[in-house]
Amino acid sequence: MPVYDPPPITRILELVQTGDESARRELWRRTYDEIHAIAAAFMRREIAGRTLQTTVVVHEAYLKLFGHACADFRSAGHFFSAAANAMRQLLVEHARKRRAAKRGGGIGTVPLDGDGFAAEFDRDPELELAVNEAMTLLEKEHPRAAEVAKLRYYTGLTVRQTAEALAVGDRTIEADWRFARAWLYQRLGGK
């Protein structure tokens, strides 16, 4: 009977959970380009003049991911979701700082068009914070739909990649993505 041989990243994640420092470095080495690409996608949605740089976001995400003694990632999908969450938290904190500096503006309706959120989310700190609050609420009420939204929006995964990361079918991801977008649209002032 053949023995199940997990993918190398899974073996590395198992070692990371035990606190193996060399495994943590290896995980980061193997995933750095993908994490950097995710951060670059975030930053493309940023307005010109924003002071954050892609590499800074990547390195800050690393500190958030591995800042405590033992990271607990169940799968590659879970790891990339955690990385996206770390980057999201960084951008939200940056938005809070900008809002504190600006002290102005309210939020209006937020268009959710096409296959993703509108870029305006990242242009206005008030919108960024509203999206974060809505995502937090979605996580509490509909965890899987929130996970799909995070993987699709924050990490830029395709439907197929998201399905693989969450070990469900493409149709489930499509349905969860439609639901999450509609739910967020309503929460963010859509009609």
Protein backbone atom coordinates (compact mmCIF):
# COMPACT_ATOMS: atom_id res chain seq x y z
CA MET A 1 0.00 0.00 0.00
CA PRO A 2 1.48 3.40 -0.98
CA VAL A 3 2.40 5.72 1.85
CA TYR A 4 1.03 9.27 1.70
CA ASP A 5 3.90 11.67 1.10
CA PRO A 6 2.75 15.22 1.90
CA PRO A 7 4.00 18.11 -0.24
CA PRO A 8 7.30 19.60 0.94
CA ILE A 9 5.60 22.78 2.19
CA THR A 10 3.36 20.68 4.43
CA ARG A 11 6.38 18.96 5.96
CA ILE A 12 8.04 22.33 6.50
CA LEU A 13 4.88 23.68 8.18
CA GLU A 14 4.85 20.69 10.51
CA LEU A 15 8.43 21.46 11.52
CA VAL A 16 7.61 25.15 11.97
CA GLN A 17 4.89 24.14 14.45
CA THR A 18 7.52 22.42 16.58
CA GLY A 19 9.48 25.67 16.77
CA ASP A 20 12.21 24.58 14.34
CA GLU A 21 13.99 27.82 13.43
CA SER A 22 15.62 26.40 10.30
CA ALA A 23 12.19 25.24 9.07
CA ARG A 24 10.82 28.73 9.65
CA ARG A 25 13.64 30.21 7.55
CA GLU A 26 13.07 27.57 4.85
CA LEU A 27 9.32 28.28 4.79
CA TRP A 28 10.00 31.97 4.38
CA ARG A 29 12.61 31.33 1.67
CA ARG A 30 10.22 29.13 -0.31
CA THR A 31 7.23 31.45 0.03
CA TYR A 32 8.92 34.87 -0.06
CA ASP A 33 8.26 35.49 -3.76
CA GLU A 34 4.57 34.61 -3.40
CA ILE A 35 4.22 36.76 -0.27
CA HIS A 36 5.99 39.59 -2.08
CA ALA A 37 3.61 39.22 -5.04
CA ILE A 38 0.63 39.41 -2.66
CA ALA A 39 2.07 42.55 -1.07
CA ALA A 40 2.74 44.01 -4.51
CA ALA A 41 -0.92 43.45 -5.41
CA PHE A 42 -1.91 45.30 -2.25
CA MET A 43 0.40 48.15 -3.08
CA ARG A 44 -0.84 48.46 -6.67
CA ARG A 45 -4.20 49.40 -5.16
CA GLU A 46 -2.54 52.08 -3.08
CA ILE A 47 -2.57 55.72 -4.08
CA ALA A 48 0.56 57.46 -5.25
CA GLY A 49 2.39 59.13 -2.42
CA ARG A 50 1.65 56.42 0.13
CA THR A 51 4.72 55.96 2.25
CA LEU A 52 4.54 52.18 2.65
CA GLN A 53 6.79 50.12 0.40
CA THR A 54 6.11 46.56 -0.71
CA THR A 55 9.23 45.09 0.90
CA VAL A 56 8.43 46.83 4.18
CA VAL A 57 4.94 45.30 4.13
CA VAL A 58 6.45 41.86 3.46
CA HIS A 59 8.96 42.14 6.29
CA GLU A 60 6.39 43.52 8.73
CA ALA A 61 4.10 40.61 7.80
CA TYR A 62 6.96 38.22 8.59
CA LEU A 63 7.32 39.78 12.04
CA LYS A 64 3.58 39.42 12.64
CA LEU A 65 3.59 35.80 11.44
CA PHE A 66 6.65 34.68 13.37
CA GLY A 67 6.80 37.21 16.19
CA HIS A 68 5.76 34.64 18.76
CA ALA A 69 7.53 31.47 19.76
CA CYS A 70 5.63 28.86 17.76
CA ALA A 71 3.61 29.54 14.63
CA ASP A 72 0.68 27.20 14.01
CA PHE A 73 -0.13 26.84 10.30
CA ARG A 74 -2.31 23.87 9.38
CA SER A 75 -1.74 24.07 5.63
CA ALA A 76 -0.23 26.18 2.90
CA GLY A 77 -3.63 27.85 2.44
CA HIS A 78 -3.75 28.66 6.14
CA PHE A 79 -0.23 30.10 5.99
CA PHE A 80 -1.05 32.36 3.02
CA SER A 81 -4.30 33.40 4.67
CA ALA A 82 -2.37 34.33 7.81
CA ALA A 83 0.09 36.31 5.68
CA ALA A 84 -2.80 38.15 4.01
CA ASN A 85 -4.31 38.89 7.42
CA ALA A 86 -0.98 40.24 8.63
CA MET A 87 -0.74 42.53 5.62
CA ARG A 88 -4.35 43.59 6.06
CA GLN A 89 -3.65 44.50 9.68
CA LEU A 90 -0.63 46.53 8.61
CA LEU A 91 -2.64 48.46 6.04
CA VAL A 92 -5.45 49.05 8.54
CA GLU A 93 -2.98 50.37 11.08
CA HIS A 94 -1.49 52.60 8.41
CA ALA A 95 -5.00 53.82 7.55
CA ARG A 96 -5.67 54.59 11.22
CA LYS A 97 -2.52 56.67 11.37
CA ARG A 98 -3.46 58.52 8.19
CA ARG A 99 -6.98 59.10 9.48
CA ALA A 100 -5.60 60.45 12.73
CA ALA A 101 -3.45 62.81 10.68
CA LYS A 102 -6.31 63.83 8.41
CA ARG A 103 -9.17 63.85 10.91
CA GLY A 104 -11.76 64.22 8.27
CA GLY A 105 -14.17 62.68 5.84
CA GLY A 106 -16.89 60.16 6.25
CA ILE A 107 -17.57 57.08 4.23
CA GLY A 108 -20.03 56.83 1.43
CA THR A 109 -21.23 53.91 -0.61
CA VAL A 110 -18.56 51.48 -1.70
CA PRO A 111 -18.87 49.89 -5.14
CA LEU A 112 -18.13 46.19 -5.41
CA ASP A 113 -17.73 45.58 -9.08
CA GLY A 114 -16.37 42.88 -11.32
CA ASP A 115 -14.40 40.12 -9.69
CA GLY A 116 -13.12 42.11 -6.74
CA PHE A 117 -13.48 45.12 -4.55
CA ALA A 118 -13.07 48.58 -5.96
CA ALA A 119 -9.64 50.12 -5.60
CA GLU A 120 -11.18 53.04 -3.73
CA PHE A 121 -11.03 50.97 -0.53
CA ASP A 122 -7.32 51.53 -0.32
CA ARG A 123 -7.42 55.17 -1.30
CA ASP A 124 -9.32 56.49 1.69
CA PRO A 125 -8.39 55.57 5.25
CA GLU A 126 -12.05 55.78 6.31
CA LEU A 127 -12.98 53.21 3.67
CA GLU A 128 -10.08 50.96 4.61
CA LEU A 129 -11.21 50.98 8.23
CA ALA A 130 -14.84 50.39 7.28
CA VAL A 131 -13.82 47.41 5.14
CA ASN A 132 -11.75 46.02 7.99
CA GLU A 133 -14.65 46.35 10.44
CA ALA A 134 -17.01 44.70 7.96
CA MET A 135 -14.54 41.87 7.33
CA THR A 136 -14.20 41.32 11.08
CA LEU A 137 -17.97 41.06 11.40
CA LEU A 138 -18.16 38.75 8.37
CA GLU A 139 -15.52 36.52 10.01
CA LYS A 140 -17.73 36.17 13.09
CA GLU A 141 -20.98 35.56 11.24
CA HIS A 142 -19.80 33.64 8.16
CA PRO A 143 -16.25 32.36 8.68
CA ARG A 144 -15.83 30.43 5.43
CA ALA A 145 -17.19 33.27 3.29
CA ALA A 146 -14.81 35.64 5.08
CA GLU A 147 -11.90 33.28 4.43
CA VAL A 148 -12.83 33.15 0.75
CA ALA A 149 -13.05 36.96 0.63
CA LYS A 150 -9.64 37.30 2.28
CA LEU A 151 -7.99 34.82 -0.06
CA ARG A 152 -9.62 36.28 -3.17
CA TYR A 153 -9.19 39.96 -2.32
CA TYR A 154 -6.16 40.22 -0.09
CA THR A 155 -4.02 37.48 -1.60
CA GLY A 156 -5.42 37.68 -5.13
CA LEU A 157 -5.95 33.93 -5.44
CA THR A 158 -8.08 32.63 -8.29
CA VAL A 159 -11.23 30.60 -7.65
CA ARG A 160 -9.28 27.39 -8.31
CA GLN A 161 -6.40 28.37 -5.99
CA THR A 162 -8.85 29.37 -3.26
CA ALA A 163 -10.70 26.06 -3.63
CA GLU A 164 -7.43 24.17 -3.29
CA ALA A 165 -6.35 26.23 -0.28
CA LEU A 166 -9.64 25.58 1.52
CA ALA A 167 -10.11 22.02 0.24
CA VAL A 168 -13.55 22.66 -1.24
CA GLY A 169 -14.96 22.78 -4.75
CA ASP A 170 -14.83 25.69 -7.19
CA ARG A 171 -18.62 26.12 -7.06
CA THR A 172 -18.50 26.45 -3.27
CA ILE A 173 -15.87 29.17 -3.60
CA GLU A 174 -17.87 30.98 -6.28
CA ALA A 175 -21.00 30.88 -4.11
CA ASP A 176 -19.12 32.02 -0.99
CA TRP A 177 -17.42 34.82 -2.97
CA ARG A 178 -20.76 36.06 -4.35
CA PHE A 179 -22.26 35.93 -0.87
CA ALA A 180 -19.29 37.71 0.76
CA ARG A 181 -19.30 40.50 -1.84
CA ALA A 182 -23.04 41.04 -1.47
CA TRP A 183 -22.84 40.93 2.32
CA LEU A 184 -19.95 43.41 2.39
CA TYR A 185 -21.64 45.64 -0.18
CA GLN A 186 -24.71 45.86 2.03
CA ARG A 187 -22.67 46.48 5.20
CA LEU A 188 -20.65 49.19 3.51
CA GLY A 189 -23.63 51.26 2.48
CA GLY A 190 -24.59 49.72 -0.85
CA LYS A 191 -28.19 49.67 -1.93
